Amino acid sequence: MNNTCIIYDNNEVYARKLLSGFSERAESSFGVLLFTDREELKKYLLDNNPAVMIISQHGYFKELEKLFKGQLCILTENSFIAEDSCIYGENTVEIFRYQSIDKIFKKVMENSKLQARGKLDFREIIGIYSPIYVEQRTAFALNIAKAISEKYRVLYINLEEFSGLDEVLISDNGTTLSDAFYYYRQGKQQSYEKISSTIHCYEGVDYISPVVCAEDISFMEIEDIVGFIECVGKGGDYEIIVLDISTAIRQSWRLMECCNIVYMPIKNDYLSCRKINALESYYYSMGVDSIIKVIEKVRLPEGENAVDKDFISKITASGMYRYVKKLLESSLFTNNIK
């Protein structure tokens, strides 16, 4: 049985959207093939044994019982699907077709042996993200990177459009994350040697100076950002990467899926609480509520360690640093680092 997912649907527009969505989410961890012609599908199945087939309710035909032995996913037009009862056989699951691709993808993953890329293939990733504005968030993220650098090889990457950190995270040779992204798009996983020229170090923390052009963040495909992080993590032999994730990133939740933990600075006022509730409701509606399990909400101390030009050099003398050290000591994340 090969590590492939087959999509068969004679509604070509719908099928191609499903193919595109599944290919993006698989990220080369398994193959995805599309068929809209029954005879072509039969020919393929005579010589191949894919792990999963997604087929429309009206496209199902009896010969499949002999031709295909893997996991069969029937796209049904009935949203009221009874658990554990399917007229198509034991190794079959019914999935409502008129819902988000994320939900369909999640259902297929839950009912098959296919494995999509989740955590990246190196040590650990810490994310810092919040849908609300918290003044001390940048100071918190930099303190996280500094505190962890005392024990581990760490890289800090700021993914904000307008970070304001150009005088804090200085680039000696003028290169920034904009250049690093460019090198990655040119050479993908073979680009680390060039990307390494954009990595700088100060007070034990490796970092890449933030972008100079906002569109280098907002127009960057999420697949490329994930691939870039994996390339840098492996190439630089980093044990931990700290990601300061901005709301400018499209589908930022897909980046959060790669994190072992996401620290989410929060506030107690009415609107901030409503924004957090809206975010969680969105994750549930998209079928990606597993992200909520890796989120650790934090209320940051106010008036501590304001960021200025000399921030890094005096970082360990601040109240924020003491707060972060205590937070990390009690965190399940740091306790689970091997």
C-alpha atoms as a PDB file:
ATOM      1  CA  MET A   1       0.000   0.000   0.000  1.00  0.00           C
ATOM      2  CA  ASN A   2       1.583   3.301  -1.079  1.00  0.00           C
ATOM      3  CA  ASN A   3       1.428   6.563   0.838  1.00  0.00           C
ATOM      4  CA  THR A   4      -1.055   8.211  -1.522  1.00  0.00           C
ATOM      5  CA  CYS A   5      -4.490   9.788  -1.266  1.00  0.00           C
ATOM      6  CA  ILE A   6      -6.797   9.529  -4.289  1.00  0.00           C
ATOM      7  CA  ILE A   7      -9.611  11.998  -4.948  1.00  0.00           C
ATOM      8  CA  TYR A   8     -12.356  10.910  -7.346  1.00  0.00           C
ATOM      9  CA  ASP A   9     -15.238  13.265  -8.104  1.00  0.00           C
ATOM     10  CA  ASN A  10     -16.884  14.089 -11.425  1.00  0.00           C
ATOM     11  CA  ASN A  11     -17.510  17.642 -10.191  1.00  0.00           C
ATOM     12  CA  GLU A  12     -14.176  18.898 -11.479  1.00  0.00           C
ATOM     13  CA  VAL A  13     -14.360  22.378  -9.918  1.00  0.00           C
ATOM     14  CA  TYR A  14     -15.015  20.953  -6.450  1.00  0.00           C
ATOM     15  CA  ALA A  15     -12.467  18.157  -6.925  1.00  0.00           C
ATOM     16  CA  ARG A  16      -9.684  20.557  -7.903  1.00  0.00           C
ATOM     17  CA  LYS A  17     -10.358  22.747  -4.869  1.00  0.00           C
ATOM     18  CA  LEU A  18     -10.121  19.628  -2.697  1.00  0.00           C
ATOM     19  CA  LEU A  19      -6.903  18.579  -4.449  1.00  0.00           C
ATOM     20  CA  SER A  20      -5.350  22.011  -3.909  1.00  0.00           C
ATOM     21  CA  GLY A  21      -6.377  22.098  -0.245  1.00  0.00           C
ATOM     22  CA  PHE A  22      -5.122  18.592   0.505  1.00  0.00           C
ATOM     23  CA  SER A  23      -1.823  19.154  -1.343  1.00  0.00           C
ATOM     24  CA  GLU A  24      -1.145  22.309   0.684  1.00  0.00           C
ATOM     25  CA  ARG A  25      -1.877  20.592   3.983  1.00  0.00           C
ATOM     26  CA  ALA A  26       0.028  17.394   3.127  1.00  0.00           C
ATOM     27  CA  GLU A  27       3.164  19.449   2.333  1.00  0.00           C
ATOM     28  CA  SER A  28       4.812  16.528   0.515  1.00  0.00           C
ATOM     29  CA  SER A  29       4.341  14.149   3.471  1.00  0.00           C
ATOM     30  CA  PHE A  30       2.085  12.069   1.211  1.00  0.00           C
ATOM     31  CA  GLY A  31       0.946  12.175  -2.409  1.00  0.00           C
ATOM     32  CA  VAL A  32      -2.446  13.445  -3.584  1.00  0.00           C
ATOM     33  CA  LEU A  33      -3.849  12.461  -6.999  1.00  0.00           C
ATOM     34  CA  LEU A  34      -7.061  13.559  -8.708  1.00  0.00           C
ATOM     35  CA  PHE A  35      -9.297  11.526 -11.020  1.00  0.00           C
ATOM     36  CA  THR A  36     -12.504  12.735 -12.657  1.00  0.00           C
ATOM     37  CA  ASP A  37     -12.840   9.853 -15.130  1.00  0.00           C
ATOM     38  CA  ARG A  38     -13.931   6.423 -13.852  1.00  0.00           C
ATOM     39  CA  GLU A  39     -12.041   4.384 -16.452  1.00  0.00           C
ATOM     40  CA  GLU A  40      -8.784   6.204 -15.743  1.00  0.00           C
ATOM     41  CA  LEU A  41      -9.288   5.531 -12.044  1.00  0.00           C
ATOM     42  CA  LYS A  42      -9.855   1.819 -12.706  1.00  0.00           C
ATOM     43  CA  LYS A  43      -6.645   1.593 -14.745  1.00  0.00           C
ATOM     44  CA  TYR A  44      -4.705   3.243 -11.929  1.00  0.00           C
ATOM     45  CA  LEU A  45      -6.130   0.901  -9.276  1.00  0.00           C
ATOM     46  CA  LEU A  46      -5.191  -2.204 -11.277  1.00  0.00           C
ATOM     47  CA  ASP A  47      -1.476  -1.394 -10.792  1.00  0.00           C
ATOM     48  CA  ASN A  48      -1.474   0.710  -7.625  1.00  0.00           C
ATOM     49  CA  ASN A  49      -2.678   0.367  -4.055  1.00  0.00           C
ATOM     50  CA  PRO A  50      -3.232   3.836  -2.536  1.00  0.00           C
ATOM     51  CA  ALA A  51      -3.776   4.184   1.206  1.00  0.00           C
ATOM     52  CA  VAL A  52      -6.869   6.401   0.987  1.00  0.00           C
ATOM     53  CA  MET A  53      -9.551   7.194  -1.540  1.00  0.00           C
ATOM     54  CA  ILE A  54     -11.941  10.129  -1.261  1.00  0.00           C
ATOM     55  CA  ILE A  55     -14.919   9.622  -3.516  1.00  0.00           C
ATOM     56  CA  SER A  56     -18.237  11.400  -4.004  1.00  0.00           C
ATOM     57  CA  GLN A  57     -21.411   9.692  -2.910  1.00  0.00           C
ATOM     58  CA  HIS A  58     -22.707   9.626  -6.493  1.00  0.00           C
ATOM     59  CA  GLY A  59     -19.356   8.477  -7.873  1.00  0.00           C
ATOM     60  CA  TYR A  60     -19.251   5.243  -5.866  1.00  0.00           C
ATOM     61  CA  PHE A  61     -19.420   2.045  -7.942  1.00  0.00           C
ATOM     62  CA  LYS A  62     -19.540  -1.620  -6.930  1.00  0.00           C
ATOM     63  CA  GLU A  63     -16.263  -2.618  -8.607  1.00  0.00           C
ATOM     64  CA  LEU A  64     -14.389  -0.587  -5.987  1.00  0.00           C
ATOM     65  CA  GLU A  65     -14.839  -3.446  -3.523  1.00  0.00           C
ATOM     66  CA  LYS A  66     -12.455  -5.561  -5.623  1.00  0.00           C
ATOM     67  CA  LEU A  67     -10.178  -2.813  -6.927  1.00  0.00           C
ATOM     68  CA  PHE A  68      -9.492  -0.894  -3.689  1.00  0.00           C
ATOM     69  CA  LYS A  69      -8.622  -2.273  -0.224  1.00  0.00           C
ATOM     70  CA  GLY A  70      -7.573   0.898   1.586  1.00  0.00           C
ATOM     71  CA  GLN A  71      -9.494   3.474   3.605  1.00  0.00           C
ATOM     72  CA  LEU A  72     -12.522   4.712   1.679  1.00  0.00           C
ATOM     73  CA  CYS A  73     -13.925   8.174   2.456  1.00  0.00           C
ATOM     74  CA  ILE A  74     -17.362   8.866   0.998  1.00  0.00           C
ATOM     75  CA  LEU A  75     -18.272  12.528   0.465  1.00  0.00           C
ATOM     76  CA  THR A  76     -21.956  12.605   1.300  1.00  0.00           C
ATOM     77  CA  GLU A  77     -24.516  15.354   0.860  1.00  0.00           C
ATOM     78  CA  ASN A  78     -26.204  14.370   4.107  1.00  0.00           C
ATOM     79  CA  SER A  79     -24.881  16.341   7.078  1.00  0.00           C
ATOM     80  CA  PHE A  80     -26.553  13.997   9.577  1.00  0.00           C
ATOM     81  CA  ILE A  81     -24.162  11.063   9.514  1.00  0.00           C
ATOM     82  CA  ALA A  82     -24.703   8.262  12.017  1.00  0.00           C
ATOM     83  CA  GLU A  83     -21.568   7.186  13.864  1.00  0.00           C
ATOM     84  CA  ASP A  84     -20.172   3.757  12.950  1.00  0.00           C
ATOM     85  CA  SER A  85     -22.831   2.979  10.358  1.00  0.00           C
ATOM     86  CA  CYS A  86     -21.985   3.121   6.697  1.00  0.00           C
ATOM     87  CA  ILE A  87     -23.656   1.261   3.867  1.00  0.00           C
ATOM     88  CA  TYR A  88     -20.405   1.113   1.901  1.00  0.00           C
ATOM     89  CA  GLY A  89     -18.554  -1.377   4.124  1.00  0.00           C
ATOM     90  CA  GLU A  90     -16.510  -1.612   7.301  1.00  0.00           C
ATOM     91  CA  ASN A  91     -13.378   0.194   6.093  1.00  0.00           C
ATOM     92  CA  THR A  92     -15.360   3.281   5.127  1.00  0.00           C
ATOM     93  CA  VAL A  93     -16.141   6.636   6.680  1.00  0.00           C
ATOM     94  CA  GLU A  94     -18.738   9.140   5.522  1.00  0.00           C
ATOM     95  CA  ILE A  95     -17.790  12.832   5.428  1.00  0.00           C
ATOM     96  CA  PHE A  96     -20.142  15.731   4.768  1.00  0.00           C
ATOM     97  CA  ARG A  97     -18.864  17.377   1.573  1.00  0.00           C
ATOM     98  CA  TYR A  98     -20.222  20.900   2.169  1.00  0.00           C
ATOM     99  CA  GLN A  99     -17.878  21.984   4.941  1.00  0.00           C
ATOM    100  CA  SER A 100     -14.423  23.519   5.131  1.00  0.00           C
ATOM    101  CA  ILE A 101     -11.477  21.698   3.572  1.00  0.00           C
ATOM    102  CA  ASP A 102      -9.792  21.835   6.986  1.00  0.00           C
ATOM    103  CA  LYS A 103     -12.583  19.793   8.518  1.00  0.00           C
ATOM    104  CA  ILE A 104     -12.595  17.291   5.652  1.00  0.00           C
ATOM    105  CA  PHE A 105      -8.808  16.968   5.854  1.00  0.00           C
ATOM    106  CA  LYS A 106      -8.914  16.465   9.620  1.00  0.00           C
ATOM    107  CA  LYS A 107     -11.585  13.754   9.295  1.00  0.00           C
ATOM    108  CA  VAL A 108      -9.550  11.894   6.669  1.00  0.00           C
ATOM    109  CA  MET A 109      -6.412  12.086   8.842  1.00  0.00           C
ATOM    110  CA  GLU A 110      -8.298  10.768  11.854  1.00  0.00           C
ATOM    111  CA  ASN A 111      -9.562   7.761   9.906  1.00  0.00           C
ATOM    112  CA  SER A 112      -6.447   6.768   7.971  1.00  0.00           C
ATOM    113  CA  LYS A 113      -2.788   5.913   8.430  1.00  0.00           C
ATOM    114  CA  LEU A 114      -1.670   8.939   6.456  1.00  0.00           C
ATOM    115  CA  GLN A 115       0.430  11.388   8.437  1.00  0.00           C
ATOM    116  CA  ALA A 116       0.585  15.044   7.498  1.00  0.00           C
ATOM    117  CA  ARG A 117       3.432  17.236   8.638  1.00  0.00           C
ATOM    118  CA  GLY A 118       2.847  18.408  12.179  1.00  0.00           C
ATOM    119  CA  LYS A 119       5.713  19.379  14.444  1.00  0.00           C
ATOM    120  CA  LEU A 120       8.801  20.139  12.418  1.00  0.00           C
ATOM    121  CA  ASP A 121      11.648  17.683  12.186  1.00  0.00           C
ATOM    122  CA  PHE A 122      14.034  19.117  14.779  1.00  0.00           C
ATOM    123  CA  ARG A 123      13.905  19.928  18.474  1.00  0.00           C
ATOM    124  CA  GLU A 124      11.257  22.428  19.640  1.00  0.00           C
ATOM    125  CA  ILE A 125       9.369  25.547  18.558  1.00  0.00           C
ATOM    126  CA  ILE A 126       7.924  28.197  20.862  1.00  0.00           C
ATOM    127  CA  GLY A 127       5.355  30.560  19.409  1.00  0.00           C
ATOM    128  CA  ILE A 128       4.250  33.915  20.797  1.00  0.00           C
ATOM    129  CA  TYR A 129       0.917  35.027  19.369  1.00  0.00           C
ATOM    130  CA  SER A 130      -2.120  37.057  20.367  1.00  0.00           C
ATOM    131  CA  PRO A 131      -5.056  38.527  18.442  1.00  0.00           C
ATOM    132  CA  ILE A 132      -5.004  41.525  20.799  1.00  0.00           C
ATOM    133  CA  TYR A 133      -2.457  44.288  21.328  1.00  0.00           C
ATOM    134  CA  VAL A 134      -0.396  43.782  24.484  1.00  0.00           C
ATOM    135  CA  GLU A 135       2.264  46.442  24.955  1.00  0.00           C
ATOM    136  CA  GLN A 136       4.837  44.173  26.583  1.00  0.00           C
ATOM    137  CA  ARG A 137       4.545  41.338  24.071  1.00  0.00           C
ATOM    138  CA  THR A 138       7.782  42.092  22.173  1.00  0.00           C
ATOM    139  CA  ALA A 139       9.739  42.427  25.407  1.00  0.00           C
ATOM    140  CA  PHE A 140       8.241  39.123  26.550  1.00  0.00           C
ATOM    141  CA  ALA A 141       9.249  37.328  23.326  1.00  0.00           C
ATOM    142  CA  LEU A 142      12.826  38.616  23.481  1.00  0.00           C
ATOM    143  CA  ASN A 143      13.084  37.655  27.153  1.00  0.00           C
ATOM    144  CA  ILE A 144      11.880  34.133  26.285  1.00  0.00           C
ATOM    145  CA  ALA A 145      14.656  33.826  23.694  1.00  0.00           C
ATOM    146  CA  LYS A 146      17.294  35.188  26.074  1.00  0.00           C
ATOM    147  CA  ALA A 147      16.287  32.983  29.003  1.00  0.00           C
ATOM    148  CA  ILE A 148      16.268  29.835  26.878  1.00  0.00           C
ATOM    149  CA  SER A 149      19.625  30.700  25.298  1.00  0.00           C
ATOM    150  CA  GLU A 150      21.271  30.091  28.672  1.00  0.00           C
ATOM    151  CA  LYS A 151      20.754  26.335  28.214  1.00  0.00           C
ATOM    152  CA  TYR A 152      19.962  25.762  24.546  1.00  0.00           C
ATOM    153  CA  ARG A 153      20.989  26.862  21.070  1.00  0.00           C
ATOM    154  CA  VAL A 154      18.143  29.192  20.137  1.00  0.00           C
ATOM    155  CA  LEU A 155      17.083  31.306  17.158  1.00  0.00           C
ATOM    156  CA  TYR A 156      14.613  34.196  17.465  1.00  0.00           C
ATOM    157  CA  ILE A 157      12.532  35.123  14.395  1.00  0.00           C
ATOM    158  CA  ASN A 158      10.204  38.125  14.451  1.00  0.00           C
ATOM    159  CA  LEU A 159       7.361  37.776  11.916  1.00  0.00           C
ATOM    160  CA  GLU A 160       5.802  41.219  12.321  1.00  0.00           C
ATOM    161  CA  GLU A 161       5.233  43.593   9.392  1.00  0.00           C
ATOM    162  CA  PHE A 162       6.455  46.611  11.383  1.00  0.00           C
ATOM    163  CA  SER A 163       8.470  45.324  14.333  1.00  0.00           C
ATOM    164  CA  GLY A 164      10.354  48.551  15.109  1.00  0.00           C
ATOM    165  CA  LEU A 165      13.352  46.427  16.126  1.00  0.00           C
ATOM    166  CA  ASP A 166      15.827  47.582  13.480  1.00  0.00           C
ATOM    167  CA  GLU A 167      17.948  49.353  16.137  1.00  0.00           C
ATOM    168  CA  VAL A 168      17.631  46.468  18.614  1.00  0.00           C
ATOM    169  CA  LEU A 169      18.229  43.442  16.378  1.00  0.00           C
ATOM    170  CA  ILE A 170      20.935  45.071  14.303  1.00  0.00           C
ATOM    171  CA  SER A 171      22.199  43.587  11.038  1.00  0.00           C
ATOM    172  CA  ASP A 172      25.945  44.098  10.664  1.00  0.00           C
ATOM    173  CA  ASN A 173      25.899  43.337   6.937  1.00  0.00           C
ATOM    174  CA  GLY A 174      22.518  44.903   6.132  1.00  0.00           C
ATOM    175  CA  THR A 175      20.711  41.604   5.498  1.00  0.00           C
ATOM    176  CA  THR A 176      17.274  40.981   6.989  1.00  0.00           C
ATOM    177  CA  LEU A 177      14.497  38.400   7.025  1.00  0.00           C
ATOM    178  CA  SER A 178      13.459  39.792   3.643  1.00  0.00           C
ATOM    179  CA  ASP A 179      16.776  38.550   2.207  1.00  0.00           C
ATOM    180  CA  ALA A 180      16.485  35.234   4.057  1.00  0.00           C
ATOM    181  CA  PHE A 181      13.020  34.620   2.592  1.00  0.00           C
ATOM    182  CA  TYR A 182      14.339  35.465  -0.869  1.00  0.00           C
ATOM    183  CA  TYR A 183      17.200  32.969  -0.545  1.00  0.00           C
ATOM    184  CA  TYR A 184      14.759  30.292   0.603  1.00  0.00           C
ATOM    185  CA  ARG A 185      12.377  30.833  -2.312  1.00  0.00           C
ATOM    186  CA  GLN A 186      15.334  30.489  -4.690  1.00  0.00           C
ATOM    187  CA  GLY A 187      16.812  27.288  -3.252  1.00  0.00           C
ATOM    188  CA  LYS A 188      14.230  25.868  -0.803  1.00  0.00           C
ATOM    189  CA  GLN A 189      15.793  23.251   1.514  1.00  0.00           C
ATOM    190  CA  GLN A 190      19.224  23.687  -0.136  1.00  0.00           C
ATOM    191  CA  SER A 191      19.407  27.393   0.683  1.00  0.00           C
ATOM    192  CA  TYR A 192      20.714  27.348   4.262  1.00  0.00           C
ATOM    193  CA  GLU A 193      24.275  28.383   3.379  1.00  0.00           C
ATOM    194  CA  LYS A 194      22.986  31.675   1.957  1.00  0.00           C
ATOM    195  CA  ILE A 195      20.385  32.109   4.687  1.00  0.00           C
ATOM    196  CA  SER A 196      23.098  31.711   7.340  1.00  0.00           C
ATOM    197  CA  SER A 197      24.607  35.027   6.194  1.00  0.00           C
ATOM    198  CA  THR A 198      21.469  36.765   7.517  1.00  0.00           C
ATOM    199  CA  ILE A 199      21.740  35.246  11.012  1.00  0.00           C
ATOM    200  CA  HIS A 200      23.381  37.396  13.683  1.00  0.00           C
ATOM    201  CA  CYS A 201      24.163  36.815  17.342  1.00  0.00           C
ATOM    202  CA  TYR A 202      24.156  39.111  20.367  1.00  0.00           C
ATOM    203  CA  GLU A 203      24.366  38.165  24.032  1.00  0.00           C
ATOM    204  CA  GLY A 204      23.950  34.480  23.177  1.00  0.00           C
ATOM    205  CA  VAL A 205      20.769  34.890  21.127  1.00  0.00           C
ATOM    206  CA  ASP A 206      20.836  34.171  17.397  1.00  0.00           C
ATOM    207  CA  TYR A 207      18.370  36.234  15.392  1.00  0.00           C
ATOM    208  CA  ILE A 208      17.470  37.401  11.906  1.00  0.00           C
ATOM    209  CA  SER A 209      16.758  41.127  11.633  1.00  0.00           C
ATOM    210  CA  PRO A 210      13.038  41.699  10.831  1.00  0.00           C
ATOM    211  CA  VAL A 211      11.751  42.446   7.344  1.00  0.00           C
ATOM    212  CA  VAL A 212      12.097  45.914   5.861  1.00  0.00           C
ATOM    213  CA  CYS A 213       9.120  45.483   3.517  1.00  0.00           C
ATOM    214  CA  ALA A 214       5.750  44.625   5.050  1.00  0.00           C
ATOM    215  CA  GLU A 215       4.666  42.648   1.977  1.00  0.00           C
ATOM    216  CA  ASP A 216       7.515  40.187   2.596  1.00  0.00           C
ATOM    217  CA  ILE A 217       5.391  38.959   5.508  1.00  0.00           C
ATOM    218  CA  SER A 218       1.803  39.487   4.358  1.00  0.00           C
ATOM    219  CA  PHE A 219       2.369  38.078   0.851  1.00  0.00           C
ATOM    220  CA  MET A 220       4.482  35.108   1.965  1.00  0.00           C
ATOM    221  CA  GLU A 221       2.738  31.758   1.485  1.00  0.00           C
ATOM    222  CA  ILE A 222       2.338  29.861   4.744  1.00  0.00           C
ATOM    223  CA  GLU A 223       3.895  26.749   3.182  1.00  0.00           C
ATOM    224  CA  ASP A 224       7.045  28.749   2.434  1.00  0.00           C
ATOM    225  CA  ILE A 225       7.209  30.143   5.967  1.00  0.00           C
ATOM    226  CA  VAL A 226       6.913  26.650   7.454  1.00  0.00           C
ATOM    227  CA  GLY A 227       9.493  25.290   5.007  1.00  0.00           C
ATOM    228  CA  PHE A 228      11.825  28.207   5.753  1.00  0.00           C
ATOM    229  CA  ILE A 229      11.675  27.570   9.495  1.00  0.00           C
ATOM    230  CA  GLU A 230      12.416  23.887   8.992  1.00  0.00           C
ATOM    231  CA  CYS A 231      15.344  24.710   6.706  1.00  0.00           C
ATOM    232  CA  VAL A 232      16.870  27.145   9.203  1.00  0.00           C
ATOM    233  CA  GLY A 233      16.217  24.866  12.177  1.00  0.00           C
ATOM    234  CA  LYS A 234      17.932  21.889  10.594  1.00  0.00           C
ATOM    235  CA  GLY A 235      20.691  23.795   8.841  1.00  0.00           C
ATOM    236  CA  GLY A 236      21.650  25.769  11.932  1.00  0.00           C
ATOM    237  CA  ASP A 237      21.301  22.779  14.253  1.00  0.00           C
ATOM    238  CA  TYR A 238      19.060  24.818  16.542  1.00  0.00           C
ATOM    239  CA  GLU A 239      17.523  23.128  19.544  1.00  0.00           C
ATOM    240  CA  ILE A 240      14.761  25.726  19.904  1.00  0.00           C
ATOM    241  CA  ILE A 241      13.267  28.371  17.626  1.00  0.00           C
ATOM    242  CA  VAL A 242      11.250  31.230  19.109  1.00  0.00           C
ATOM    243  CA  LEU A 243       8.666  32.618  16.669  1.00  0.00           C
ATOM    244  CA  ASP A 244       7.068  36.006  17.257  1.00  0.00           C
ATOM    245  CA  ILE A 245       3.965  35.390  15.120  1.00  0.00           C
ATOM    246  CA  SER A 246       2.002  38.370  13.826  1.00  0.00           C
ATOM    247  CA  THR A 247      -1.613  38.602  12.720  1.00  0.00           C
ATOM    248  CA  ALA A 248      -0.319  39.662   9.300  1.00  0.00           C
ATOM    249  CA  ILE A 249       0.510  36.060   8.446  1.00  0.00           C
ATOM    250  CA  ARG A 250      -2.192  34.395   6.399  1.00  0.00           C
ATOM    251  CA  GLN A 251      -3.517  31.257   8.094  1.00  0.00           C
ATOM    252  CA  SER A 252      -1.293  31.891  11.095  1.00  0.00           C
ATOM    253  CA  TRP A 253      -2.912  28.905  12.826  1.00  0.00           C
ATOM    254  CA  ARG A 254      -1.049  26.611  10.423  1.00  0.00           C
ATOM    255  CA  LEU A 255       2.212  27.992  11.766  1.00  0.00           C
ATOM    256  CA  MET A 256       0.952  27.559  15.318  1.00  0.00           C
ATOM    257  CA  GLU A 257       0.258  23.890  14.510  1.00  0.00           C
ATOM    258  CA  CYS A 258       4.031  23.447  14.190  1.00  0.00           C
ATOM    259  CA  CYS A 259       4.669  24.832  17.675  1.00  0.00           C
ATOM    260  CA  ASN A 260       5.132  22.741  20.792  1.00  0.00           C
ATOM    261  CA  ILE A 261       3.683  25.592  22.812  1.00  0.00           C
ATOM    262  CA  VAL A 262       2.213  28.998  21.992  1.00  0.00           C
ATOM    263  CA  TYR A 263       2.334  31.682  24.677  1.00  0.00           C
ATOM    264  CA  MET A 264      -0.641  34.001  24.207  1.00  0.00           C
ATOM    265  CA  PRO A 265      -0.457  37.336  26.070  1.00  0.00           C
ATOM    266  CA  ILE A 266      -3.955  38.360  27.142  1.00  0.00           C
ATOM    267  CA  LYS A 267      -5.733  41.242  28.916  1.00  0.00           C
ATOM    268  CA  ASN A 268      -8.801  41.343  31.128  1.00  0.00           C
ATOM    269  CA  ASP A 269     -10.840  44.093  29.468  1.00  0.00           C
ATOM    270  CA  TYR A 270     -14.137  43.269  27.761  1.00  0.00           C
ATOM    271  CA  LEU A 271     -13.061  43.651  24.129  1.00  0.00           C
ATOM    272  CA  SER A 272      -9.832  41.677  24.608  1.00  0.00           C
ATOM    273  CA  CYS A 273     -11.771  38.791  26.141  1.00  0.00           C
ATOM    274  CA  ARG A 274     -14.273  38.869  23.288  1.00  0.00           C
ATOM    275  CA  LYS A 275     -11.442  38.728  20.732  1.00  0.00           C
ATOM    276  CA  ILE A 276      -9.945  35.676  22.426  1.00  0.00           C
ATOM    277  CA  ASN A 277     -13.377  34.014  22.467  1.00  0.00           C
ATOM    278  CA  ALA A 278     -13.845  34.814  18.775  1.00  0.00           C
ATOM    279  CA  LEU A 279     -10.460  33.292  17.963  1.00  0.00           C
ATOM    280  CA  GLU A 280     -11.242  30.061  19.801  1.00  0.00           C
ATOM    281  CA  SER A 281     -14.691  29.846  18.182  1.00  0.00           C
ATOM    282  CA  TYR A 282     -13.022  30.238  14.788  1.00  0.00           C
ATOM    283  CA  TYR A 283     -10.585  27.409  15.524  1.00  0.00           C
ATOM    284  CA  TYR A 284     -13.456  25.140  16.537  1.00  0.00           C
ATOM    285  CA  SER A 285     -15.446  26.020  13.413  1.00  0.00           C
ATOM    286  CA  MET A 286     -12.425  25.307  11.194  1.00  0.00           C
ATOM    287  CA  GLY A 287     -11.790  21.972  12.853  1.00  0.00           C
ATOM    288  CA  VAL A 288      -8.345  23.001  14.138  1.00  0.00           C
ATOM    289  CA  ASP A 289      -9.255  23.216  17.820  1.00  0.00           C
ATOM    290  CA  SER A 290      -6.225  21.018  18.639  1.00  0.00           C
ATOM    291  CA  ILE A 291      -4.238  24.275  18.541  1.00  0.00           C
ATOM    292  CA  ILE A 292      -6.037  25.447  21.671  1.00  0.00           C
ATOM    293  CA  LYS A 293      -4.358  22.614  23.589  1.00  0.00           C
ATOM    294  CA  VAL A 294      -0.868  24.038  22.929  1.00  0.00           C
ATOM    295  CA  ILE A 295      -1.826  27.619  23.843  1.00  0.00           C
ATOM    296  CA  GLU A 296      -0.771  28.855  27.270  1.00  0.00           C
ATOM    297  CA  LYS A 297      -2.396  32.193  28.106  1.00  0.00           C
ATOM    298  CA  VAL A 298      -0.211  34.612  30.046  1.00  0.00           C
ATOM    299  CA  ARG A 299      -0.899  37.948  31.730  1.00  0.00           C
ATOM    300  CA  LEU A 300       2.283  39.953  31.430  1.00  0.00           C
ATOM    301  CA  PRO A 301       3.549  42.268  34.167  1.00  0.00           C
ATOM    302  CA  GLU A 302       3.001  45.897  33.234  1.00  0.00           C
ATOM    303  CA  GLY A 303       5.672  48.568  33.189  1.00  0.00           C
ATOM    304  CA  GLU A 304       8.505  46.032  33.078  1.00  0.00           C
ATOM    305  CA  ASN A 305      11.454  46.077  30.695  1.00  0.00           C
ATOM    306  CA  ALA A 306      10.317  48.578  28.058  1.00  0.00           C
ATOM    307  CA  VAL A 307      12.137  48.041  24.748  1.00  0.00           C
ATOM    308  CA  ASP A 308      14.763  50.601  23.735  1.00  0.00           C
ATOM    309  CA  LYS A 309      18.033  50.626  21.754  1.00  0.00           C
ATOM    310  CA  ASP A 310      20.021  49.047  24.615  1.00  0.00           C
ATOM    311  CA  PHE A 311      17.349  46.510  25.484  1.00  0.00           C
ATOM    312  CA  ILE A 312      19.322  43.310  24.881  1.00  0.00           C
ATOM    313  CA  SER A 313      22.374  44.381  26.878  1.00  0.00           C
ATOM    314  CA  LYS A 314      20.343  45.045  30.044  1.00  0.00           C
ATOM    315  CA  ILE A 315      17.649  42.414  29.566  1.00  0.00           C
ATOM    316  CA  THR A 316      18.618  40.139  32.473  1.00  0.00           C
ATOM    317  CA  ALA A 317      18.230  42.943  35.045  1.00  0.00           C
ATOM    318  CA  SER A 318      14.527  43.395  34.415  1.00  0.00           C
ATOM    319  CA  GLY A 319      11.387  42.266  36.174  1.00  0.00           C
ATOM    320  CA  MET A 320      10.147  40.786  32.889  1.00  0.00           C
ATOM    321  CA  TYR A 321      13.197  38.534  32.770  1.00  0.00           C
ATOM    322  CA  ARG A 322      12.489  37.254  36.280  1.00  0.00           C
ATOM    323  CA  TYR A 323       8.857  36.683  35.295  1.00  0.00           C
ATOM    324  CA  VAL A 324       9.888  34.714  32.201  1.00  0.00           C
ATOM    325  CA  LYS A 325      12.393  32.588  34.136  1.00  0.00           C
ATOM    326  CA  LYS A 326       9.698  31.644  36.630  1.00  0.00           C
ATOM    327  CA  LEU A 327       7.222  30.941  33.828  1.00  0.00           C
ATOM    328  CA  LEU A 328       9.650  28.634  32.037  1.00  0.00           C
ATOM    329  CA  GLU A 329      10.514  26.780  35.219  1.00  0.00           C
ATOM    330  CA  SER A 330       6.849  25.862  35.725  1.00  0.00           C
ATOM    331  CA  SER A 331       6.056  25.239  32.062  1.00  0.00           C
ATOM    332  CA  LEU A 332       5.291  21.736  30.819  1.00  0.00           C
ATOM    333  CA  PHE A 333       7.138  22.699  27.644  1.00  0.00           C
ATOM    334  CA  THR A 334      10.553  23.173  29.225  1.00  0.00           C
ATOM    335  CA  ASN A 335      10.026  20.190  31.487  1.00  0.00           C
ATOM    336  CA  ASN A 336       9.514  18.037  28.402  1.00  0.00           C
ATOM    337  CA  ILE A 337      12.645  19.151  26.504  1.00  0.00           C
ATOM    338  CA  LYS A 338      15.017  16.213  26.253  1.00  0.00           C
END
